[in-house]
Amino acid sequence: MSNNNKHHTISSAEGNVLYPLTFKPILKPVIWGGSEICRFKQIEPARNGIGESWEISGVSHSVSVVSNGPLAGVSLDHLLANAKEKLVGKRNYSRFGDTFPLLIKFIDAKEELSIQVHPDDRLARERHNSFGKTEMWYVIHARQDAFLYSGFEQLITPDEYIETVKNNTFTDTLKKHGVKQGDVFFLPAGRVHAIGAGCFIAEIQQTSDITYRIYDFDRRDAEGKPRELHTELAKEAIDFKLYNTYRTHYEKSRNLPVKLAACPYFTTHLLEIDQPMKRNFTTLDSFVIYICVAGSCTLQDNRGNEVALRQGETLLLPADTASVTLVPGEVTRLLETYID
């Protein structure tokens, strides 16, 4: 079907054109990537060196494309421009316009990622005409020795920060966390962080691809050149304060939603279910995203649409969905995300 026909289908259809949407994964080869993403998502043939799978993306150079139903082949940005608040909600559309506000990823770190930080909305707007980048991590699984960095272990000044990067001691100032399945880290813009080797993570973040790379262990790219650092740019972006904890603590509970994060950019629940669960969204003015991190289920919405969702798959519920029933085929873990 031509793009023109696709455009006509969306713009002329009334009411029920939208339904639970899945998207083609956008696989990202990187020097630190492993082989877990294709296995986890059951993608054949498997590919090595894939560090990220962008599950739902409105980032300009990597926009997601619908993979199911009558809208298969339509890009997310085109869908949003036509469906507007029916897709994302009235408040979200007035706030973000034709930019889908969240970016959903799976990340497979075979090696350590660079130490980095992201700017907040103010700095990102001033420097890059972009949104900032607040994010969260959910550890799907991890090697026994896996760790990550989040926040500072000791108080340093901005000038001391520059010196520690120059003399290769910056990582000594950071808080190092051993990790296991189910660990959660909320990373507001400004928090220095890095994913360590052996971590497989689901990431939920603002739609932004702005990263300041602070330190990269003197790693070389495919051409043997050092990767670009943004040490000075990062200086103003970094939150140098110390915090009591950088890890999100929560109580697991089966067949009840467990809140993992709540901020102006997203609210995320963990749903671990072994029996049907109904979720009512009649008072929610937002799309809802489900990321299946273990098991499988069938999702049935109030209009009678039914979609199967298995480990490694992500689904977008339009904002005009009133309710869904999740029917697990086994013990299933889902991350449920929306903007409250």
Protein backbone atom coordinates (compact mmCIF):
# COMPACT_ATOMS: atom_id res chain seq x y z
CA MET A 1 0.00 0.00 0.00
CA SER A 2 1.40 3.41 -0.91
CA ASN A 3 2.08 6.13 1.61
CA ASN A 4 -0.73 8.18 0.07
CA ASN A 5 -3.20 5.40 0.79
CA LYS A 6 -1.88 5.11 4.29
CA HIS A 7 -2.37 8.83 4.84
CA HIS A 8 -5.92 8.59 3.52
CA THR A 9 -6.70 5.64 5.79
CA ILE A 10 -5.74 7.54 8.92
CA SER A 11 -7.08 10.99 8.14
CA SER A 12 -10.45 9.89 6.81
CA ALA A 13 -11.28 7.10 9.26
CA GLU A 14 -13.56 7.91 12.14
CA GLY A 15 -13.63 6.85 15.78
CA ASN A 16 -12.31 3.33 16.03
CA VAL A 17 -9.29 3.46 13.72
CA LEU A 18 -6.99 3.16 16.74
CA TYR A 19 -6.36 -0.11 18.59
CA PRO A 20 -3.54 -1.64 20.71
CA LEU A 21 -0.41 -1.05 18.61
CA THR A 22 2.86 -2.93 18.32
CA PHE A 23 5.94 -1.67 16.48
CA LYS A 24 8.91 -3.03 14.57
CA PRO A 25 11.97 -3.02 16.86
CA ILE A 26 14.81 -0.71 15.82
CA LEU A 27 18.04 -2.61 16.57
CA LYS A 28 21.14 -0.52 17.32
CA PRO A 29 24.63 -2.02 16.76
CA VAL A 30 27.20 -0.51 19.17
CA ILE A 31 30.73 -1.40 20.28
CA TRP A 32 29.57 -2.48 23.76
CA GLY A 33 26.54 -4.51 22.60
CA GLY A 34 26.03 -8.25 23.09
CA SER A 35 23.87 -11.08 21.76
CA GLU A 36 21.03 -11.11 24.31
CA ILE A 37 18.51 -8.82 22.61
CA CYS A 38 17.78 -11.12 19.66
CA ARG A 39 17.53 -14.14 21.97
CA PHE A 40 15.26 -12.31 24.43
CA LYS A 41 13.00 -11.03 21.65
CA GLN A 42 13.18 -14.31 19.64
CA ILE A 43 14.51 -12.53 16.54
CA GLU A 44 15.95 -14.79 13.85
CA PRO A 45 18.61 -14.82 12.61
CA ALA A 46 20.27 -13.70 15.83
CA ARG A 47 22.72 -10.82 15.59
CA ASN A 48 25.69 -10.05 17.81
CA GLY A 49 26.83 -6.58 18.82
CA ILE A 50 23.29 -5.22 19.30
CA GLY A 51 23.32 -2.92 22.33
CA GLU A 52 19.81 -1.50 22.13
CA SER A 53 16.39 -2.27 20.75
CA TRP A 54 14.28 0.87 20.45
CA GLU A 55 10.79 -0.46 21.05
CA ILE A 56 8.75 2.75 20.74
CA SER A 57 10.49 5.85 19.46
CA GLY A 58 9.54 9.26 18.14
CA VAL A 59 13.19 10.38 17.89
CA SER A 60 13.56 12.02 14.49
CA HIS A 61 16.25 9.73 13.04
CA SER A 62 14.70 6.52 14.44
CA VAL A 63 10.90 6.71 14.31
CA SER A 64 8.95 3.53 15.09
CA VAL A 65 6.68 1.91 12.50
CA VAL A 66 3.46 0.04 13.38
CA SER A 67 3.75 -3.74 12.89
CA ASN A 68 0.18 -4.99 13.52
CA GLY A 69 -3.32 -4.50 12.17
CA PRO A 70 -4.69 -2.11 9.53
CA LEU A 71 -2.13 0.60 10.39
CA ALA A 72 0.90 -1.69 9.82
CA GLY A 73 3.58 0.29 7.99
CA VAL A 74 2.49 3.69 9.33
CA SER A 75 5.17 5.64 11.23
CA LEU A 76 4.50 6.82 14.79
CA ASP A 77 5.06 10.49 13.92
CA HIS A 78 2.53 10.34 11.08
CA LEU A 79 0.05 8.47 13.26
CA LEU A 80 0.40 11.07 16.02
CA ALA A 81 0.06 14.02 13.62
CA ASN A 82 -3.28 12.62 12.46
CA ALA A 83 -4.73 11.00 15.59
CA LYS A 84 -3.43 13.68 17.99
CA GLU A 85 -5.08 13.54 21.46
CA LYS A 86 -6.88 10.28 20.62
CA LEU A 87 -3.46 8.64 20.60
CA VAL A 88 -1.67 10.44 23.46
CA GLY A 89 -4.35 12.31 25.44
CA LYS A 90 -5.43 15.97 25.44
CA ARG A 91 -2.95 17.20 28.02
CA ASN A 92 -0.03 15.32 26.47
CA TYR A 93 -0.86 16.63 23.02
CA SER A 94 -1.04 20.22 24.26
CA ARG A 95 2.27 19.70 26.12
CA PHE A 96 4.31 17.78 23.53
CA GLY A 97 2.53 18.42 20.23
CA ASP A 98 3.50 16.07 17.42
CA THR A 99 6.46 14.61 19.35
CA PHE A 100 5.74 11.28 21.04
CA PRO A 101 6.93 11.98 24.60
CA LEU A 102 8.55 8.68 25.64
CA LEU A 103 11.30 6.46 24.28
CA ILE A 104 11.25 2.78 25.29
CA LYS A 105 14.37 0.59 24.98
CA PHE A 106 15.92 -2.74 25.85
CA ILE A 107 19.66 -2.44 26.58
CA ASP A 108 22.19 -5.29 26.51
CA ALA A 109 25.58 -4.31 27.90
CA LYS A 110 28.21 -6.91 27.03
CA GLU A 111 30.80 -4.33 28.13
CA GLU A 112 30.61 -1.26 30.33
CA LEU A 113 28.92 1.77 28.82
CA SER A 114 30.54 5.18 29.02
CA ILE A 115 30.00 7.35 32.10
CA GLN A 116 27.40 9.90 31.04
CA VAL A 117 24.84 12.48 32.05
CA HIS A 118 21.79 14.04 30.37
CA PRO A 119 20.70 17.69 30.52
CA ASP A 120 17.39 18.80 32.02
CA ASP A 121 14.63 20.49 30.01
CA ARG A 122 16.02 24.00 30.49
CA LEU A 123 19.57 23.22 29.41
CA ALA A 124 18.47 20.94 26.57
CA ARG A 125 16.13 23.60 25.24
CA GLU A 126 18.81 26.32 25.41
CA ARG A 127 21.57 24.22 23.84
CA HIS A 128 19.80 21.77 21.55
CA ASN A 129 16.18 22.93 21.17
CA SER A 130 15.23 19.57 22.65
CA PHE A 131 13.58 17.96 25.66
CA GLY A 132 15.82 16.95 28.53
CA LYS A 133 16.26 13.34 29.53
CA THR A 134 14.95 11.87 32.76
CA GLU A 135 14.85 8.07 32.67
CA MET A 136 14.47 4.88 34.68
CA TRP A 137 16.00 1.40 34.51
CA TYR A 138 14.41 -1.95 35.33
CA VAL A 139 16.95 -4.78 35.49
CA ILE A 140 15.51 -7.74 33.56
CA HIS A 141 18.48 -9.95 34.35
CA ALA A 142 22.12 -9.55 35.25
CA ARG A 143 25.31 -11.56 35.57
CA GLN A 144 26.27 -12.44 39.12
CA ASP A 145 29.07 -9.84 39.09
CA ALA A 146 27.09 -7.15 37.24
CA PHE A 147 26.98 -3.58 38.52
CA LEU A 148 26.10 -0.08 37.45
CA TYR A 149 26.95 3.45 38.48
CA SER A 150 24.33 5.93 39.66
CA GLY A 151 25.14 9.16 41.51
CA PHE A 152 28.16 10.19 43.58
CA GLU A 153 29.84 8.36 46.45
CA GLN A 154 31.73 11.45 47.58
CA LEU A 155 31.20 15.18 47.33
CA ILE A 156 33.25 16.90 44.62
CA THR A 157 33.21 20.37 43.10
CA PRO A 158 32.78 21.04 39.37
CA ASP A 159 36.49 21.88 39.11
CA GLU A 160 37.48 18.68 40.93
CA TYR A 161 35.26 16.78 38.50
CA ILE A 162 37.29 18.10 35.54
CA GLU A 163 40.54 17.09 37.27
CA THR A 164 39.35 13.54 38.07
CA VAL A 165 38.33 12.99 34.45
CA LYS A 166 41.77 14.17 33.29
CA ASN A 167 43.65 11.90 35.71
CA ASN A 168 41.37 8.85 35.18
CA THR A 169 40.02 8.74 38.74
CA PHE A 170 36.46 9.93 38.05
CA THR A 171 34.89 6.50 38.59
CA ASP A 172 36.32 6.52 42.15
CA THR A 173 33.91 9.35 42.99
CA LEU A 174 30.81 7.47 41.81
CA LYS A 175 28.39 5.20 43.67
CA LYS A 176 28.73 1.63 42.41
CA HIS A 177 25.71 -0.69 42.79
CA GLY A 178 25.67 -4.47 42.44
CA VAL A 179 22.47 -5.45 40.63
CA LYS A 180 20.11 -8.38 40.17
CA GLN A 181 16.81 -9.10 38.43
CA GLY A 182 14.07 -6.68 39.46
CA ASP A 183 16.31 -3.82 40.62
CA VAL A 184 15.05 -0.36 39.71
CA PHE A 185 16.93 2.93 39.35
CA PHE A 186 15.28 6.31 38.72
CA LEU A 187 17.65 8.69 36.96
CA PRO A 188 16.54 12.33 36.92
CA ALA A 189 18.29 14.55 34.39
CA GLY A 190 21.64 15.59 35.86
CA ARG A 191 22.45 12.27 37.57
CA VAL A 192 25.77 10.79 36.45
CA HIS A 193 25.34 7.12 35.53
CA ALA A 194 26.61 4.15 33.55
CA ILE A 195 25.43 0.61 32.90
CA GLY A 196 28.05 -2.03 33.72
CA ALA A 197 28.92 -5.19 31.81
CA GLY A 198 26.44 -8.05 32.16
CA CYS A 199 23.32 -5.91 32.66
CA PHE A 200 20.17 -6.44 30.57
CA ILE A 201 17.79 -3.57 31.18
CA ALA A 202 14.46 -2.05 30.15
CA GLU A 203 14.76 1.73 29.92
CA ILE A 204 11.92 4.26 29.96
CA GLN A 205 12.91 7.84 29.19
CA GLN A 206 11.89 11.20 27.84
CA THR A 207 12.10 11.48 24.06
CA SER A 208 15.62 12.82 23.74
CA ASP A 209 18.81 11.45 22.24
CA ILE A 210 21.12 13.94 23.96
CA THR A 211 23.89 12.29 25.94
CA TYR A 212 27.00 13.94 27.35
CA ARG A 213 29.75 11.32 27.42
CA ILE A 214 32.01 12.16 30.36
CA TYR A 215 34.44 9.26 30.46
CA ASP A 216 34.91 6.22 28.23
CA PHE A 217 37.83 4.22 29.71
CA ASP A 218 40.02 5.38 26.78
CA ARG A 219 38.00 3.11 24.49
CA ARG A 220 38.49 3.26 20.70
CA ASP A 221 35.89 3.19 17.95
CA ALA A 222 35.92 0.87 14.90
CA GLU A 223 38.53 3.11 13.25
CA GLY A 224 40.80 3.08 16.29
CA LYS A 225 39.99 6.65 17.34
CA PRO A 226 38.99 7.69 20.86
CA ARG A 227 35.25 8.31 21.13
CA GLU A 228 34.22 11.94 21.56
CA LEU A 229 33.87 13.19 25.13
CA HIS A 230 31.68 16.07 26.33
CA THR A 231 33.39 16.70 29.67
CA GLU A 232 32.97 20.49 29.64
CA LEU A 233 29.41 20.40 28.28
CA ALA A 234 28.47 18.00 31.07
CA LYS A 235 29.85 20.28 33.79
CA GLU A 236 26.75 22.51 33.94
CA ALA A 237 24.37 19.56 33.51
CA ILE A 238 25.62 17.47 36.45
CA ASP A 239 23.83 17.36 39.81
CA PHE A 240 26.79 17.18 42.22
CA LYS A 241 24.69 16.68 45.37
CA LEU A 242 24.88 13.48 47.44
CA TYR A 243 21.68 11.52 48.14
CA ASN A 244 20.88 8.92 50.80
CA THR A 245 19.97 6.32 48.21
CA TYR A 246 20.03 6.07 44.43
CA ARG A 247 18.18 2.78 44.24
CA THR A 248 14.36 2.54 44.11
CA HIS A 249 13.02 0.38 46.93
CA TYR A 250 9.68 -1.35 46.47
CA GLU A 251 7.71 -4.30 47.82
CA LYS A 252 6.87 -6.98 45.26
CA SER A 253 3.23 -8.02 45.15
CA ARG A 254 1.59 -10.50 42.78
CA ASN A 255 -1.65 -9.53 40.99
CA LEU A 256 -1.50 -5.95 42.27
CA PRO A 257 0.09 -2.94 40.53
CA VAL A 258 3.32 -1.85 42.27
CA LYS A 259 4.44 1.73 41.66
CA LEU A 260 8.10 1.98 40.64
CA ALA A 261 8.34 5.60 39.49
CA ALA A 262 6.21 8.74 39.38
CA CYS A 263 7.49 12.00 37.92
CA PRO A 264 6.19 14.68 35.52
CA TYR A 265 7.49 12.64 32.57
CA PHE A 266 6.15 9.16 33.33
CA THR A 267 4.53 6.93 35.92
CA THR A 268 5.53 3.26 35.89
CA HIS A 269 4.00 0.22 37.62
CA LEU A 270 5.24 -3.35 37.80
CA LEU A 271 2.47 -5.90 37.18
CA GLU A 272 3.41 -9.46 38.11
CA ILE A 273 0.34 -11.56 37.36
CA ASP A 274 -0.71 -15.20 37.28
CA GLN A 275 -4.44 -14.49 36.96
CA PRO A 276 -6.49 -12.07 34.81
CA MET A 277 -6.19 -8.41 35.78
CA LYS A 278 -8.46 -5.58 34.63
CA ARG A 279 -7.04 -2.07 34.31
CA ASN A 280 -9.46 0.86 34.09
CA PHE A 281 -8.28 4.02 32.31
CA THR A 282 -11.52 6.00 32.05
CA THR A 283 -10.09 8.84 34.19
CA LEU A 284 -6.59 8.71 32.66
CA ASP A 285 -5.80 11.29 29.98
CA SER A 286 -2.83 9.42 28.51
CA PHE A 287 -1.67 6.58 26.33
CA VAL A 288 -0.46 3.47 28.20
CA ILE A 289 2.60 1.37 27.29
CA TYR A 290 3.08 -2.27 28.28
CA ILE A 291 6.58 -3.77 28.18
CA CYS A 292 6.59 -7.55 28.66
CA VAL A 293 9.77 -8.44 30.53
CA ALA A 294 8.84 -12.07 31.34
CA GLY A 295 6.14 -14.56 30.38
CA SER A 296 3.27 -13.87 27.99
CA CYS A 297 -0.30 -12.66 28.08
CA THR A 298 -3.29 -11.69 25.99
CA LEU A 299 -4.55 -8.12 26.19
CA GLN A 300 -8.26 -7.49 25.53
CA ASP A 301 -9.55 -3.90 25.34
CA ASN A 302 -13.06 -2.51 25.87
CA ARG A 303 -13.70 -2.46 22.10
CA GLY A 304 -13.10 -6.19 21.71
CA ASN A 305 -9.57 -5.90 20.26
CA GLU A 306 -7.27 -8.71 21.37
CA VAL A 307 -3.47 -8.74 21.10
CA ALA A 308 -0.98 -11.39 22.26
CA LEU A 309 2.08 -10.05 24.06
CA ARG A 310 5.13 -12.12 24.92
CA GLN A 311 8.53 -11.58 26.54
CA GLY A 312 10.50 -8.91 24.70
CA GLU A 313 7.48 -7.23 23.13
CA THR A 314 6.08 -3.75 23.77
CA LEU A 315 2.57 -2.45 23.13
CA LEU A 316 1.01 1.03 22.97
CA LEU A 317 -2.58 1.56 24.09
CA PRO A 318 -4.18 4.70 22.60
CA ALA A 319 -5.42 7.29 25.08
CA ASP A 320 -9.04 6.71 24.07
CA THR A 321 -8.91 3.15 25.47
CA ALA A 322 -11.29 2.88 28.45
CA SER A 323 -10.09 -0.42 29.93
CA VAL A 324 -8.09 -3.58 29.28
CA THR A 325 -8.02 -7.08 30.71
CA LEU A 326 -4.64 -8.80 30.88
CA VAL A 327 -4.86 -12.60 30.75
CA PRO A 328 -1.51 -14.28 31.51
CA GLY A 329 -0.54 -17.60 29.98
CA GLU A 330 1.93 -18.11 32.84
CA VAL A 331 3.48 -15.92 35.50
CA THR A 332 3.99 -12.72 33.55
CA ARG A 333 5.82 -9.49 34.41
CA LEU A 334 4.82 -6.27 32.68
CA LEU A 335 5.99 -2.69 33.05
CA GLU A 336 3.00 -0.36 32.67
CA THR A 337 3.85 3.25 31.82
CA TYR A 338 1.83 6.40 31.19
CA ILE A 339 1.99 10.15 31.84
CA ASP A 340 -0.19 11.14 34.78
